[in-house]
Amino acid sequence: MVYAMVDTSGPDSLPAPAFGPDSEEMLRCTRCELRYVPSKSTSSLRLTYCSFLCELGDLGFSIAGLEHMEPKPKAIEAPAVELDEPASEPAVVD
């Protein structure tokens, strides 16, 4: 059997993926650009952020917090009632 050697170090080749200790592919965090293993991420969006803090810093809120948030009830305002002012006589200018 003959095996052909393929050169993968050319300018158009993709770099080999980095793998974590459990042979899981490591991703790059959208916010901090660090490599992380998705199963170890504390973020609700594990495939995007490496930690809860990057998720919170990038979005301004966390998905877990959004799930538990309750809407604030709106205050009921009484409709504005216009009172008819008594008709006064027009001012006379001399």
N, C-alpha and C. Protein backbone atom coordinates (compact mmCIF):
# COMPACT_ATOMS: atom_id res chain seq x y z
N MET A 1 0.84 -1.16 0.00
CA MET A 1 0.00 0.00 0.00
C MET A 1 0.89 1.24 0.00
N VAL A 2 0.47 2.23 -0.76
CA VAL A 2 1.25 3.47 -0.85
C VAL A 2 0.40 4.59 -0.27
N TYR A 3 1.00 5.35 0.65
CA TYR A 3 0.31 6.48 1.25
C TYR A 3 0.93 7.75 0.72
N ALA A 4 0.11 8.68 0.31
CA ALA A 4 0.61 9.95 -0.20
C ALA A 4 0.70 10.93 0.96
N MET A 5 1.79 11.62 1.04
CA MET A 5 1.97 12.66 2.06
C MET A 5 1.38 13.95 1.52
N VAL A 6 0.54 14.58 2.27
CA VAL A 6 -0.09 15.82 1.85
C VAL A 6 0.48 16.94 2.71
N ASP A 7 0.94 18.00 2.04
CA ASP A 7 1.49 19.15 2.76
C ASP A 7 0.34 20.05 3.17
N THR A 8 0.13 20.20 4.48
CA THR A 8 -0.95 21.05 4.97
C THR A 8 -0.43 22.34 5.57
N SER A 9 0.80 22.67 5.27
CA SER A 9 1.37 23.89 5.86
C SER A 9 1.36 25.06 4.88
N GLY A 10 0.59 24.95 3.81
CA GLY A 10 0.54 26.01 2.80
C GLY A 10 -0.23 27.22 3.31
N PRO A 11 -0.20 28.31 2.56
CA PRO A 11 -0.86 29.55 2.99
C PRO A 11 -2.39 29.44 3.01
N ASP A 12 -2.95 28.50 2.25
CA ASP A 12 -4.40 28.37 2.19
C ASP A 12 -4.94 27.33 3.17
N SER A 13 -4.08 26.64 3.89
CA SER A 13 -4.55 25.60 4.79
C SER A 13 -5.00 26.20 6.12
N LEU A 14 -5.96 25.54 6.73
CA LEU A 14 -6.47 25.98 8.03
C LEU A 14 -5.59 25.44 9.13
N PRO A 15 -5.43 26.18 10.22
CA PRO A 15 -4.65 25.65 11.34
C PRO A 15 -5.39 24.50 12.01
N ALA A 16 -4.63 23.61 12.59
CA ALA A 16 -5.23 22.48 13.28
C ALA A 16 -6.02 23.00 14.49
N PRO A 17 -7.20 22.45 14.73
CA PRO A 17 -7.99 22.94 15.87
C PRO A 17 -7.31 22.60 17.19
N ALA A 18 -7.47 23.47 18.16
CA ALA A 18 -6.93 23.22 19.49
C ALA A 18 -7.94 22.39 20.26
N PHE A 19 -7.45 21.40 20.96
CA PHE A 19 -8.33 20.52 21.71
C PHE A 19 -8.01 20.61 23.19
N GLY A 20 -9.04 20.50 23.99
CA GLY A 20 -8.88 20.55 25.44
C GLY A 20 -8.49 19.20 25.99
N PRO A 21 -8.43 19.08 27.31
CA PRO A 21 -8.00 17.83 27.94
C PRO A 21 -8.95 16.66 27.68
N ASP A 22 -10.19 16.93 27.38
CA ASP A 22 -11.16 15.86 27.12
C ASP A 22 -11.38 15.64 25.63
N SER A 23 -10.42 16.03 24.81
CA SER A 23 -10.51 15.94 23.35
C SER A 23 -11.70 16.71 22.81
N GLU A 24 -12.09 17.76 23.50
CA GLU A 24 -13.18 18.62 23.06
C GLU A 24 -12.55 19.85 22.40
N GLU A 25 -13.09 20.24 21.28
CA GLU A 25 -12.52 21.39 20.56
C GLU A 25 -12.67 22.66 21.38
N MET A 26 -11.61 23.45 21.42
CA MET A 26 -11.64 24.70 22.15
C MET A 26 -12.11 25.81 21.22
N LEU A 27 -12.92 26.70 21.74
CA LEU A 27 -13.45 27.82 20.98
C LEU A 27 -12.81 29.11 21.46
N ARG A 28 -13.00 30.19 20.72
CA ARG A 28 -12.53 31.51 21.14
C ARG A 28 -13.71 32.32 21.63
N CYS A 29 -13.54 32.95 22.78
CA CYS A 29 -14.58 33.80 23.36
C CYS A 29 -14.79 35.01 22.46
N THR A 30 -16.03 35.37 22.22
CA THR A 30 -16.36 36.51 21.37
C THR A 30 -15.87 37.82 21.97
N ARG A 31 -15.89 37.92 23.29
CA ARG A 31 -15.52 39.18 23.95
C ARG A 31 -14.03 39.29 24.21
N CYS A 32 -13.43 38.30 24.87
CA CYS A 32 -12.03 38.42 25.30
C CYS A 32 -11.05 37.70 24.39
N GLU A 33 -11.53 36.94 23.41
CA GLU A 33 -10.71 36.25 22.43
C GLU A 33 -9.85 35.12 23.01
N LEU A 34 -10.07 34.71 24.26
CA LEU A 34 -9.33 33.60 24.85
C LEU A 34 -9.94 32.29 24.42
N ARG A 35 -9.11 31.24 24.36
CA ARG A 35 -9.61 29.91 24.04
C ARG A 35 -10.20 29.28 25.30
N TYR A 36 -11.29 28.55 25.12
CA TYR A 36 -11.94 27.89 26.24
C TYR A 36 -12.64 26.63 25.77
N VAL A 37 -12.91 25.74 26.70
CA VAL A 37 -13.65 24.51 26.43
C VAL A 37 -15.11 24.80 26.77
N PRO A 38 -16.02 24.66 25.82
CA PRO A 38 -17.43 25.01 26.05
C PRO A 38 -18.06 24.32 27.25
N SER A 39 -17.69 23.08 27.54
CA SER A 39 -18.32 22.37 28.66
C SER A 39 -17.90 22.96 30.01
N LYS A 40 -16.81 23.72 30.05
CA LYS A 40 -16.35 24.33 31.30
C LYS A 40 -16.82 25.78 31.45
N SER A 41 -17.51 26.31 30.46
CA SER A 41 -17.96 27.70 30.49
C SER A 41 -19.08 27.89 31.51
N THR A 42 -19.04 29.02 32.23
CA THR A 42 -20.11 29.34 33.18
C THR A 42 -21.21 30.18 32.54
N SER A 43 -21.07 30.49 31.28
CA SER A 43 -22.04 31.30 30.56
C SER A 43 -23.24 30.46 30.11
N SER A 44 -24.39 31.09 29.99
CA SER A 44 -25.56 30.40 29.43
C SER A 44 -25.37 30.20 27.93
N LEU A 45 -24.62 31.07 27.30
CA LEU A 45 -24.31 30.97 25.87
C LEU A 45 -22.91 30.36 25.73
N ARG A 46 -22.78 29.08 26.04
CA ARG A 46 -21.49 28.41 26.12
C ARG A 46 -20.69 28.42 24.82
N LEU A 47 -21.36 28.47 23.69
CA LEU A 47 -20.64 28.44 22.41
C LEU A 47 -20.20 29.84 21.97
N THR A 48 -20.49 30.85 22.78
CA THR A 48 -20.13 32.22 22.44
C THR A 48 -19.17 32.84 23.44
N TYR A 49 -19.41 32.62 24.74
CA TYR A 49 -18.62 33.27 25.79
C TYR A 49 -17.95 32.25 26.70
N CYS A 50 -16.76 32.60 27.18
CA CYS A 50 -16.02 31.69 28.06
C CYS A 50 -16.52 31.71 29.48
N SER A 51 -17.17 32.79 29.89
CA SER A 51 -17.64 32.87 31.27
C SER A 51 -18.87 33.77 31.37
N PHE A 52 -19.47 33.70 32.55
CA PHE A 52 -20.63 34.53 32.86
C PHE A 52 -20.26 36.01 32.76
N LEU A 53 -19.04 36.36 33.18
CA LEU A 53 -18.63 37.76 33.18
C LEU A 53 -18.48 38.32 31.75
N CYS A 54 -17.98 37.51 30.82
CA CYS A 54 -17.88 37.97 29.43
C CYS A 54 -19.27 38.15 28.83
N GLU A 55 -20.18 37.25 29.14
CA GLU A 55 -21.57 37.36 28.67
C GLU A 55 -22.21 38.64 29.20
N LEU A 56 -22.05 38.87 30.49
CA LEU A 56 -22.62 40.05 31.13
C LEU A 56 -21.98 41.33 30.59
N GLY A 57 -20.66 41.32 30.40
CA GLY A 57 -19.96 42.50 29.90
C GLY A 57 -20.31 42.83 28.46
N ASP A 58 -20.51 41.81 27.64
CA ASP A 58 -20.79 42.05 26.22
C ASP A 58 -22.24 42.41 25.98
N LEU A 59 -23.16 41.71 26.63
CA LEU A 59 -24.59 41.95 26.40
C LEU A 59 -25.17 43.03 27.30
N GLY A 60 -24.58 43.20 28.48
CA GLY A 60 -25.14 44.13 29.46
C GLY A 60 -26.13 43.45 30.38
N PHE A 61 -26.43 42.18 30.14
CA PHE A 61 -27.31 41.38 30.98
C PHE A 61 -26.94 39.93 30.75
N SER A 62 -27.39 39.06 31.62
CA SER A 62 -27.13 37.63 31.42
C SER A 62 -28.43 36.95 30.98
N ILE A 63 -28.29 35.89 30.23
CA ILE A 63 -29.47 35.16 29.77
C ILE A 63 -30.19 34.54 30.95
N ALA A 64 -29.44 34.03 31.95
CA ALA A 64 -30.07 33.45 33.14
C ALA A 64 -30.87 34.50 33.88
N GLY A 65 -30.33 35.70 34.00
CA GLY A 65 -31.05 36.79 34.65
C GLY A 65 -32.29 37.20 33.88
N LEU A 66 -32.19 37.16 32.56
CA LEU A 66 -33.31 37.51 31.71
C LEU A 66 -34.44 36.50 31.86
N GLU A 67 -34.08 35.22 32.02
CA GLU A 67 -35.10 34.17 32.18
C GLU A 67 -35.87 34.34 33.48
N HIS A 68 -35.22 34.83 34.53
CA HIS A 68 -35.87 34.95 35.84
C HIS A 68 -36.45 36.33 36.09
N MET A 69 -36.28 37.23 35.16
CA MET A 69 -36.77 38.59 35.34
C MET A 69 -38.30 38.62 35.24
N GLU A 70 -38.91 39.40 36.10
CA GLU A 70 -40.35 39.57 36.06
C GLU A 70 -40.66 40.99 35.61
N PRO A 71 -41.65 41.15 34.75
CA PRO A 71 -41.98 42.49 34.28
C PRO A 71 -42.50 43.36 35.43
N LYS A 72 -42.10 44.59 35.42
CA LYS A 72 -42.55 45.53 36.43
C LYS A 72 -43.94 46.01 36.04
N PRO A 73 -44.91 45.91 36.97
CA PRO A 73 -46.27 46.34 36.61
C PRO A 73 -46.30 47.85 36.36
N LYS A 74 -47.03 48.22 35.34
CA LYS A 74 -47.15 49.63 35.00
C LYS A 74 -48.14 50.30 35.96
N ALA A 75 -47.81 51.52 36.32
CA ALA A 75 -48.71 52.29 37.19
C ALA A 75 -49.91 52.73 36.35
N ILE A 76 -51.09 52.56 36.89
CA ILE A 76 -52.30 52.97 36.17
C ILE A 76 -52.55 54.44 36.48
N GLU A 77 -52.57 55.21 35.41
CA GLU A 77 -52.79 56.64 35.57
C GLU A 77 -54.26 56.96 35.27
N ALA A 78 -54.79 57.86 36.06
CA ALA A 78 -56.17 58.29 35.83
C ALA A 78 -56.20 59.16 34.57
N PRO A 79 -57.22 59.01 33.77
CA PRO A 79 -57.29 59.84 32.56
C PRO A 79 -57.41 61.32 32.94
N ALA A 80 -56.77 62.15 32.17
CA ALA A 80 -56.82 63.59 32.43
C ALA A 80 -58.20 64.11 32.07
N VAL A 81 -58.78 64.84 33.00
CA VAL A 81 -60.11 65.41 32.79
C VAL A 81 -59.94 66.91 32.67
N GLU A 82 -60.43 67.45 31.57
CA GLU A 82 -60.33 68.90 31.38
C GLU A 82 -61.58 69.55 31.98
N LEU A 83 -61.36 70.49 32.83
CA LEU A 83 -62.47 71.22 33.42
C LEU A 83 -62.79 72.43 32.57
N ASP A 84 -64.08 72.64 32.32
CA ASP A 84 -64.47 73.82 31.55
C ASP A 84 -64.39 75.03 32.49
N GLU A 85 -63.58 75.97 32.10
CA GLU A 85 -63.48 77.19 32.91
C GLU A 85 -64.66 78.08 32.57
N PRO A 86 -65.15 78.78 33.55
CA PRO A 86 -66.28 79.67 33.26
C PRO A 86 -65.87 80.72 32.23
N ALA A 87 -66.76 80.94 31.32
CA ALA A 87 -66.46 81.91 30.26
C ALA A 87 -66.39 83.30 30.87
N SER A 88 -65.28 83.93 30.69
CA SER A 88 -65.14 85.30 31.20
C SER A 88 -65.30 86.26 30.04
N GLU A 89 -65.60 87.46 30.35
CA GLU A 89 -65.81 88.44 29.29
C GLU A 89 -64.46 88.83 28.71
N PRO A 90 -64.43 89.05 27.42
CA PRO A 90 -63.15 89.42 26.80
C PRO A 90 -62.66 90.76 27.37
N ALA A 91 -61.35 90.80 27.45
CA ALA A 91 -60.75 92.05 27.98
C ALA A 91 -60.88 93.14 26.94
N VAL A 92 -61.20 94.34 27.43
CA VAL A 92 -61.36 95.50 26.54
C VAL A 92 -60.12 96.35 26.70
N VAL A 93 -59.51 96.65 25.59
CA VAL A 93 -58.32 97.50 25.64
C VAL A 93 -58.72 98.86 25.05
N ASP A 94 -58.49 99.90 25.81
CA ASP A 94 -58.83 101.26 25.34
C ASP A 94 -57.63 101.93 24.72
